[in-house]
Amino acid sequence: MTDMERRGRATEAFFGRRKGKALREHQAERLNTLLPAFLIDLSAAPPEPLNTLFPVPTDRLRLEIGFGGGEHLIHRAVEMPSTGFIGVEPFINSMQKLLTSVDKADARNVRVYNDDATQLLDWLPDASIDQIDLLYPDPWPKRKHWKRRFVSKTNLDRFHRVLKPGGLFCFASDIDTYVNWTLLKCRDHGGFDWLAQNAADWLTPYEGWPSTRYEAKARREGRSSAYLTFKRV
């Protein structure tokens, strides 16, 4: 990556801190052991076909950006063993939690990337992904920070390029302004159709939805969630 590219990415600033509470020694050792086995190397060209990233046969590929504690990703990976899951999360503590769960479940249909999701998106081949999940992303609630929201014209262009025709972009949030923001950005982009036919379609969680700690927090604080599904056209 050139210096110019680094400066450009730095201005996007889609995520905040990289570390939280210090990992215990055994957690850090386990992460150092597991991460190399699951980490996608962007210095190498994407394999052809892309599903050969995984050591098991897969017939669909799904990308989750910002997987947090990893509850949703590991649930889906176990539920759908023939789908290859790529999870992106720069937060070290979250990566440790997910990989511990992946190892325990022996979920061999998971690969991860531990930095800026835009780097991975730019590495992925055209029309290679069946579904992109962006679930409870940082809402950057202050207006002056809205430019940091991951849903943007530039990133929707990235989504549109890597999704297969008819592929899905699924977005969930408990922040009304971000839900409205996403609806408007996808409408204005022109490359995505919102699939909702009535209110129940966006108020009802996705089929098989396991919930997450972020959603539980929203419920405790009296906020409801929206579940938006867009099709790449």
Protein backbone atom coordinates (compact mmCIF):
# COMPACT_ATOMS: atom_id res chain seq x y z
CA MET A 1 0.00 0.00 0.00
CA THR A 2 1.40 3.40 -0.93
CA ASP A 3 1.71 6.39 1.42
CA MET A 4 -1.09 8.08 -0.51
CA GLU A 5 -3.38 5.07 0.02
CA ARG A 6 -2.54 4.98 3.72
CA ARG A 7 -3.45 8.66 4.11
CA GLY A 8 -6.69 8.12 2.23
CA ARG A 9 -7.71 5.18 4.38
CA ALA A 10 -6.77 7.02 7.58
CA THR A 11 -9.30 9.73 6.79
CA GLU A 12 -12.07 7.11 6.55
CA ALA A 13 -11.61 6.02 10.21
CA PHE A 14 -14.47 3.53 10.32
CA PHE A 15 -13.41 2.00 13.62
CA GLY A 16 -12.00 3.36 16.87
CA ARG A 17 -9.72 1.62 19.35
CA ARG A 18 -7.96 -1.66 18.55
CA LYS A 19 -7.56 -2.94 22.11
CA GLY A 20 -9.69 -3.10 25.25
CA LYS A 21 -8.95 -4.93 28.47
CA ALA A 22 -5.56 -6.62 28.28
CA LEU A 23 -5.77 -10.28 27.31
CA ARG A 24 -4.70 -12.81 29.91
CA GLU A 25 -1.45 -14.55 29.10
CA HIS A 26 -3.13 -17.79 28.01
CA GLN A 27 -5.64 -15.83 25.88
CA ALA A 28 -2.84 -13.95 24.12
CA GLU A 29 -0.92 -17.17 23.52
CA ARG A 30 -4.03 -18.86 22.12
CA LEU A 31 -4.71 -15.91 19.82
CA ASN A 32 -1.14 -15.97 18.55
CA THR A 33 -1.51 -19.68 17.81
CA LEU A 34 -4.93 -19.54 16.15
CA LEU A 35 -4.80 -16.30 14.18
CA PRO A 36 -2.19 -17.38 11.58
CA ALA A 37 -4.28 -20.43 10.72
CA PHE A 38 -7.43 -18.41 9.98
CA LEU A 39 -6.07 -15.04 8.83
CA ILE A 40 -6.47 -14.03 5.18
CA ASP A 41 -3.20 -12.83 3.66
CA LEU A 42 -3.90 -9.82 1.48
CA SER A 43 -0.34 -9.79 0.19
CA ALA A 44 -1.21 -12.86 -1.89
CA ALA A 45 -3.61 -12.77 -4.82
CA PRO A 46 -7.13 -14.06 -4.12
CA PRO A 47 -7.37 -17.77 -4.92
CA GLU A 48 -9.43 -18.91 -7.87
CA PRO A 49 -12.09 -19.87 -7.07
CA LEU A 50 -12.34 -17.84 -3.89
CA ASN A 51 -13.97 -20.62 -1.88
CA THR A 52 -10.65 -22.47 -1.90
CA LEU A 53 -9.75 -20.13 0.98
CA PHE A 54 -11.43 -22.79 3.10
CA PRO A 55 -10.18 -26.34 3.71
CA VAL A 56 -13.74 -27.68 3.42
CA PRO A 57 -16.15 -27.54 0.44
CA THR A 58 -18.35 -24.44 0.38
CA ASP A 59 -21.07 -23.44 -2.05
CA ARG A 60 -21.77 -19.91 -0.76
CA LEU A 61 -19.56 -17.12 0.62
CA ARG A 62 -20.66 -14.67 3.27
CA LEU A 63 -18.82 -11.65 4.68
CA GLU A 64 -19.51 -10.15 8.11
CA ILE A 65 -17.98 -6.73 8.75
CA GLY A 66 -17.36 -5.89 12.40
CA PHE A 67 -18.40 -9.14 14.07
CA GLY A 68 -18.08 -7.82 17.64
CA GLY A 69 -18.18 -10.69 20.11
CA GLY A 70 -18.60 -13.15 17.24
CA GLU A 71 -21.90 -14.60 18.53
CA HIS A 72 -23.66 -14.20 15.20
CA LEU A 73 -20.79 -15.37 13.03
CA ILE A 74 -20.06 -18.58 14.95
CA HIS A 75 -23.78 -19.36 15.18
CA ARG A 76 -24.17 -19.05 11.41
CA ALA A 77 -20.95 -20.95 10.69
CA VAL A 78 -22.10 -23.95 12.73
CA GLU A 79 -25.64 -23.66 11.35
CA MET A 80 -24.44 -23.50 7.73
CA PRO A 81 -21.33 -25.69 7.34
CA SER A 82 -21.45 -25.51 3.53
CA THR A 83 -21.18 -21.70 3.58
CA GLY A 84 -17.78 -20.08 3.86
CA PHE A 85 -17.72 -17.18 6.34
CA ILE A 86 -15.24 -14.32 6.28
CA GLY A 87 -15.28 -12.17 9.40
CA VAL A 88 -13.61 -8.76 9.71
CA GLU A 89 -12.85 -7.24 13.09
CA PRO A 90 -9.89 -5.01 14.06
CA PHE A 91 -10.62 -5.22 17.82
CA ILE A 92 -8.17 -7.72 19.32
CA ASN A 93 -10.40 -8.81 22.20
CA SER A 94 -13.24 -9.62 19.81
CA MET A 95 -10.93 -11.58 17.53
CA GLN A 96 -9.74 -13.64 20.49
CA LYS A 97 -13.33 -14.44 21.50
CA LEU A 98 -14.36 -15.50 18.01
CA LEU A 99 -11.34 -17.67 17.30
CA THR A 100 -11.70 -19.42 20.66
CA SER A 101 -15.31 -20.24 19.71
CA VAL A 102 -14.28 -21.30 16.20
CA ASP A 103 -11.62 -23.62 17.59
CA LYS A 104 -14.00 -25.12 20.14
CA ALA A 105 -16.65 -25.75 17.48
CA ASP A 106 -14.06 -26.92 14.91
CA ALA A 107 -15.69 -24.55 12.42
CA ARG A 108 -13.36 -24.95 9.47
CA ASN A 109 -15.57 -22.79 7.23
CA VAL A 110 -14.35 -19.54 8.84
CA ARG A 111 -11.62 -17.13 7.79
CA VAL A 112 -10.86 -13.72 9.32
CA TYR A 113 -9.23 -10.40 8.65
CA ASN A 114 -8.09 -8.20 11.54
CA ASP A 115 -7.80 -4.73 10.02
CA ASP A 116 -9.75 -2.21 7.93
CA ALA A 117 -12.60 -3.93 6.09
CA THR A 118 -12.10 -1.68 3.06
CA GLN A 119 -8.71 -3.33 2.50
CA LEU A 120 -10.36 -6.73 2.30
CA LEU A 121 -13.18 -5.45 0.10
CA ASP A 122 -10.67 -4.00 -2.35
CA TRP A 123 -8.80 -7.34 -2.40
CA LEU A 124 -11.87 -9.48 -3.10
CA PRO A 125 -12.62 -10.39 -6.73
CA ASP A 126 -15.63 -9.01 -8.57
CA ALA A 127 -18.95 -10.81 -7.97
CA SER A 128 -17.42 -13.25 -5.48
CA ILE A 129 -19.62 -12.86 -2.37
CA ASP A 130 -23.20 -14.04 -1.85
CA GLN A 131 -24.03 -11.94 1.22
CA ILE A 132 -22.57 -9.08 3.25
CA ASP A 133 -23.68 -8.60 6.87
CA LEU A 134 -23.20 -5.26 8.64
CA LEU A 135 -24.81 -5.81 12.04
CA TYR A 136 -24.97 -3.11 14.69
CA PRO A 137 -22.07 -1.09 13.28
CA ASP A 138 -20.71 1.88 15.20
CA PRO A 139 -23.36 4.57 14.60
CA TRP A 140 -21.01 7.51 15.13
CA PRO A 141 -24.01 9.40 16.59
CA LYS A 142 -22.57 12.94 16.49
CA ARG A 143 -23.37 14.68 13.22
CA LYS A 144 -19.76 15.79 12.79
CA HIS A 145 -18.75 12.10 12.81
CA TRP A 146 -21.38 10.82 10.37
CA LYS A 147 -18.76 10.73 7.61
CA ARG A 148 -17.17 7.86 9.55
CA ARG A 149 -20.24 5.64 9.21
CA PHE A 150 -19.39 2.57 7.19
CA VAL A 151 -22.41 2.91 4.93
CA SER A 152 -21.33 5.44 2.31
CA LYS A 153 -21.42 5.87 -1.44
CA THR A 154 -17.81 4.65 -1.65
CA ASN A 155 -18.40 1.53 0.42
CA LEU A 156 -21.68 0.75 -1.33
CA ASP A 157 -19.68 0.85 -4.56
CA ARG A 158 -17.36 -1.71 -2.97
CA PHE A 159 -20.30 -3.87 -1.89
CA HIS A 160 -21.83 -3.67 -5.35
CA ARG A 161 -18.58 -4.78 -6.99
CA VAL A 162 -17.91 -7.82 -4.79
CA LEU A 163 -21.50 -9.05 -4.43
CA LYS A 164 -22.79 -11.51 -6.97
CA PRO A 165 -25.81 -10.34 -9.01
CA GLY A 166 -28.78 -10.86 -6.70
CA GLY A 167 -26.47 -11.01 -3.66
CA LEU A 168 -27.69 -9.59 -0.37
CA PHE A 169 -26.56 -6.74 1.86
CA CYS A 170 -28.06 -7.14 5.36
CA PHE A 171 -27.93 -4.28 7.83
CA ALA A 172 -29.17 -4.21 11.45
CA SER A 173 -29.16 -1.30 13.88
CA ASP A 174 -31.03 0.10 16.86
CA ILE A 175 -30.13 3.69 15.96
CA ASP A 176 -32.96 5.36 14.01
CA THR A 177 -30.73 7.95 12.36
CA TYR A 178 -28.39 5.25 11.04
CA VAL A 179 -31.29 3.15 9.77
CA ASN A 180 -32.67 6.15 7.87
CA TRP A 181 -29.16 7.04 6.69
CA THR A 182 -28.69 3.54 5.27
CA LEU A 183 -32.06 3.55 3.51
CA LEU A 184 -31.28 6.88 1.87
CA LYS A 185 -27.72 5.93 0.89
CA CYS A 186 -28.87 2.66 -0.70
CA ARG A 187 -31.75 4.41 -2.49
CA ASP A 188 -29.48 7.11 -3.86
CA HIS A 189 -26.82 4.62 -4.90
CA GLY A 190 -29.16 2.91 -7.34
CA GLY A 191 -27.48 -0.49 -7.20
CA PHE A 192 -29.55 -1.96 -4.37
CA ASP A 193 -33.24 -2.81 -3.98
CA TRP A 194 -34.74 -2.77 -0.49
CA LEU A 195 -36.72 -6.00 -0.22
CA ALA A 196 -39.22 -4.95 2.49
CA GLN A 197 -42.88 -5.19 1.49
CA ASN A 198 -44.33 -4.09 4.84
CA ALA A 199 -43.24 -3.01 8.32
CA ALA A 200 -42.98 -6.58 9.58
CA ASP A 201 -40.24 -7.25 7.03
CA TRP A 202 -37.85 -4.81 8.66
CA LEU A 203 -39.03 -5.14 12.27
CA THR A 204 -38.71 -8.93 12.33
CA PRO A 205 -35.22 -10.38 12.98
CA TYR A 206 -33.63 -12.45 10.24
CA GLU A 207 -34.54 -16.14 10.12
CA GLY A 208 -32.47 -18.08 12.64
CA TRP A 209 -31.29 -14.84 14.26
CA PRO A 210 -29.32 -15.65 17.46
CA SER A 211 -29.37 -12.09 18.84
CA THR A 212 -26.19 -10.43 20.12
CA ARG A 213 -25.00 -8.66 23.24
CA TYR A 214 -25.38 -5.33 21.44
CA GLU A 215 -29.01 -6.10 20.70
CA ALA A 216 -29.60 -7.16 24.31
CA LYS A 217 -28.16 -3.84 25.47
CA ALA A 218 -30.46 -1.95 23.10
CA ARG A 219 -33.47 -3.81 24.49
CA ARG A 220 -32.46 -2.99 28.06
CA GLU A 221 -32.19 0.66 27.12
CA GLY A 222 -35.61 0.65 25.44
CA ARG A 223 -34.51 0.76 21.79
CA SER A 224 -35.99 -1.44 19.08
CA SER A 225 -34.03 -2.70 16.09
CA ALA A 226 -34.45 -2.61 12.33
CA TYR A 227 -33.31 -5.41 10.02
CA LEU A 228 -32.84 -4.19 6.46
CA THR A 229 -32.20 -6.45 3.49
CA PHE A 230 -31.06 -5.11 0.12
CA LYS A 231 -30.51 -7.04 -3.10
CA ARG A 232 -27.67 -6.15 -5.44
CA VAL A 233 -29.08 -5.22 -8.85
